[in-house]
Amino acid sequence: MDPQPLVSIIIPNYNYGLFIGQAIDSALDQTYPNVEVIVVDDGSTDDSVGTISAYQNRLQFILKENGGQASAVNAGFEASHGDIVVILDADDFLQPGAISEVVKAFDNDKIVKVHWPLWRTDEEGNKTGKK
């Protein structure tokens, strides 16, 4: 694998205007330098498009008619160029070093998928301890 493979972070969104900014910020603020961020809005009717548009010069933005989460992920995957693809739900966020850890895990020809635990957090991103 390339020493610094490109990682595509795909964020499918439908009416998560309240959370999408945090998800985008977490993808753009990764410590790993070789990342492309693709946000696919699946026909939101809330303020999601306005929030996503504010980032337009820092990511790829795909606006499509509502077709469901799988169709949004597929649209993002089709547009991606990464050697590694990460799907990030619009109401979730990544820790700053998450993608670096993913790339390290893929530095093994036998690895085809990486999965990590989810933490519930409060509005400030502090772990609540709830499952």
Protein backbone atom coordinates (compact mmCIF):
# COMPACT_ATOMS: atom_id res chain seq x y z
CA MET A 1 0.00 0.00 0.00
CA ASP A 2 1.11 3.57 -0.68
CA PRO A 3 2.96 5.01 2.35
CA GLN A 4 0.30 7.72 2.59
CA PRO A 5 -2.83 6.25 1.01
CA LEU A 6 -5.71 8.58 0.26
CA VAL A 7 -8.60 8.13 2.69
CA SER A 8 -12.11 9.07 1.55
CA ILE A 9 -14.49 10.03 4.34
CA ILE A 10 -18.06 9.84 3.08
CA ILE A 11 -20.76 11.55 5.15
CA PRO A 12 -24.32 10.71 4.04
CA ASN A 13 -26.82 13.22 5.39
CA TYR A 14 -30.57 13.54 5.57
CA ASN A 15 -32.05 16.24 7.82
CA TYR A 16 -29.19 16.26 10.33
CA GLY A 17 -28.62 20.01 10.13
CA LEU A 18 -28.14 20.12 13.89
CA PHE A 19 -25.17 17.71 13.72
CA ILE A 20 -23.67 17.84 10.23
CA GLY A 21 -21.27 20.70 10.99
CA GLN A 22 -19.62 18.73 13.80
CA ALA A 23 -19.31 15.65 11.59
CA ILE A 24 -17.71 17.71 8.81
CA ASP A 25 -15.36 19.51 11.21
CA SER A 26 -14.22 16.18 12.65
CA ALA A 27 -13.48 14.83 9.17
CA LEU A 28 -11.62 17.95 8.06
CA ASP A 29 -9.64 18.21 11.31
CA GLN A 30 -7.99 14.79 11.10
CA THR A 31 -4.29 14.62 11.97
CA TYR A 32 -3.76 12.32 8.99
CA PRO A 33 -2.96 14.62 6.03
CA ASN A 34 -4.18 12.69 2.97
CA VAL A 35 -7.96 12.84 3.31
CA GLU A 36 -10.80 13.75 0.98
CA VAL A 37 -14.19 14.52 2.50
CA ILE A 38 -17.35 13.85 0.52
CA VAL A 39 -20.72 14.94 1.91
CA VAL A 40 -23.82 13.58 0.20
CA ASP A 41 -27.07 15.33 1.08
CA ASP A 42 -29.98 12.99 0.38
CA GLY A 43 -32.66 15.61 -0.27
CA SER A 44 -32.78 17.22 3.18
CA THR A 45 -35.65 19.55 3.95
CA ASP A 46 -34.01 21.21 6.98
CA ASP A 47 -31.07 23.66 7.03
CA SER A 48 -28.48 20.98 6.22
CA VAL A 49 -27.69 22.27 2.73
CA GLY A 50 -26.87 25.76 4.05
CA THR A 51 -24.56 24.33 6.68
CA ILE A 52 -22.80 22.03 4.22
CA SER A 53 -22.48 24.81 1.63
CA ALA A 54 -20.39 26.84 4.08
CA TYR A 55 -17.68 24.15 3.73
CA GLN A 56 -17.98 23.78 -0.04
CA ASN A 57 -14.43 24.92 -0.84
CA ARG A 58 -12.97 22.30 1.56
CA LEU A 59 -14.89 19.19 0.52
CA GLN A 60 -16.84 17.58 -2.27
CA PHE A 61 -20.57 18.22 -1.90
CA ILE A 62 -23.13 16.05 -3.68
CA LEU A 63 -26.76 17.10 -3.54
CA LYS A 64 -29.24 14.44 -4.65
CA GLU A 65 -32.91 13.61 -4.43
CA ASN A 66 -33.96 11.52 -1.45
CA GLY A 67 -33.28 7.87 -2.09
CA GLY A 68 -32.27 6.56 1.32
CA GLN A 69 -29.02 6.14 3.19
CA ALA A 70 -27.67 3.35 0.98
CA SER A 71 -28.14 5.43 -2.16
CA ALA A 72 -26.35 8.37 -0.49
CA VAL A 73 -23.43 6.14 0.53
CA ASN A 74 -23.29 4.69 -2.99
CA ALA A 75 -23.21 8.20 -4.51
CA GLY A 76 -20.34 9.12 -2.21
CA PHE A 77 -18.48 5.91 -2.95
CA GLU A 78 -18.86 6.48 -6.68
CA ALA A 79 -17.29 9.93 -6.31
CA SER A 80 -14.49 8.79 -4.01
CA HIS A 81 -10.87 8.26 -5.00
CA GLY A 82 -9.53 6.82 -1.75
CA ASP A 83 -7.55 3.68 -1.21
CA ILE A 84 -9.45 3.44 2.09
CA VAL A 85 -13.08 4.52 2.51
CA VAL A 86 -14.67 5.53 5.81
CA ILE A 87 -18.42 6.05 6.18
CA LEU A 88 -19.24 8.60 8.88
CA ASP A 89 -22.87 9.10 9.89
CA ALA A 90 -23.92 12.75 9.86
CA ASP A 91 -24.80 12.67 13.56
CA ASP A 92 -21.43 11.19 14.59
CA PHE A 93 -17.91 12.59 14.72
CA LEU A 94 -14.36 11.27 14.59
CA GLN A 95 -11.61 11.77 17.13
CA PRO A 96 -8.71 13.76 15.57
CA GLY A 97 -6.40 10.73 15.24
CA ALA A 98 -9.02 8.22 14.08
CA ILE A 99 -7.96 8.13 10.42
CA SER A 100 -4.27 7.76 11.35
CA GLU A 101 -5.23 4.66 13.34
CA VAL A 102 -7.29 3.29 10.44
CA VAL A 103 -4.37 3.72 8.04
CA LYS A 104 -2.03 1.93 10.49
CA ALA A 105 -4.50 -0.97 10.73
CA PHE A 106 -4.65 -1.28 6.95
CA ASP A 107 -0.86 -1.58 6.75
CA ASN A 108 -1.40 -5.32 6.56
CA ASP A 109 -2.44 -7.16 3.40
CA LYS A 110 -4.83 -9.39 5.37
CA ILE A 111 -6.99 -6.52 6.69
CA VAL A 112 -10.09 -5.65 4.68
CA LYS A 113 -12.26 -3.91 7.29
CA VAL A 114 -11.64 -1.85 10.41
CA HIS A 115 -14.35 -1.19 12.96
CA TRP A 116 -14.12 0.64 16.27
CA PRO A 117 -16.44 1.15 19.23
CA LEU A 118 -18.80 4.08 19.41
CA TRP A 119 -18.93 6.36 22.45
CA ARG A 120 -22.03 8.26 23.47
CA THR A 121 -21.26 11.88 24.16
CA ASP A 122 -22.99 14.99 25.41
CA GLU A 123 -23.42 18.18 23.38
CA GLU A 124 -19.80 19.21 24.10
CA GLY A 125 -18.35 15.88 22.95
CA ASN A 126 -17.63 14.53 26.44
CA LYS A 127 -18.14 10.78 26.89
CA THR A 128 -21.27 10.07 28.94
CA GLY A 129 -20.45 6.45 29.77
CA LYS A 130 -23.85 5.35 28.46
CA LYS A 131 -24.10 2.53 25.94
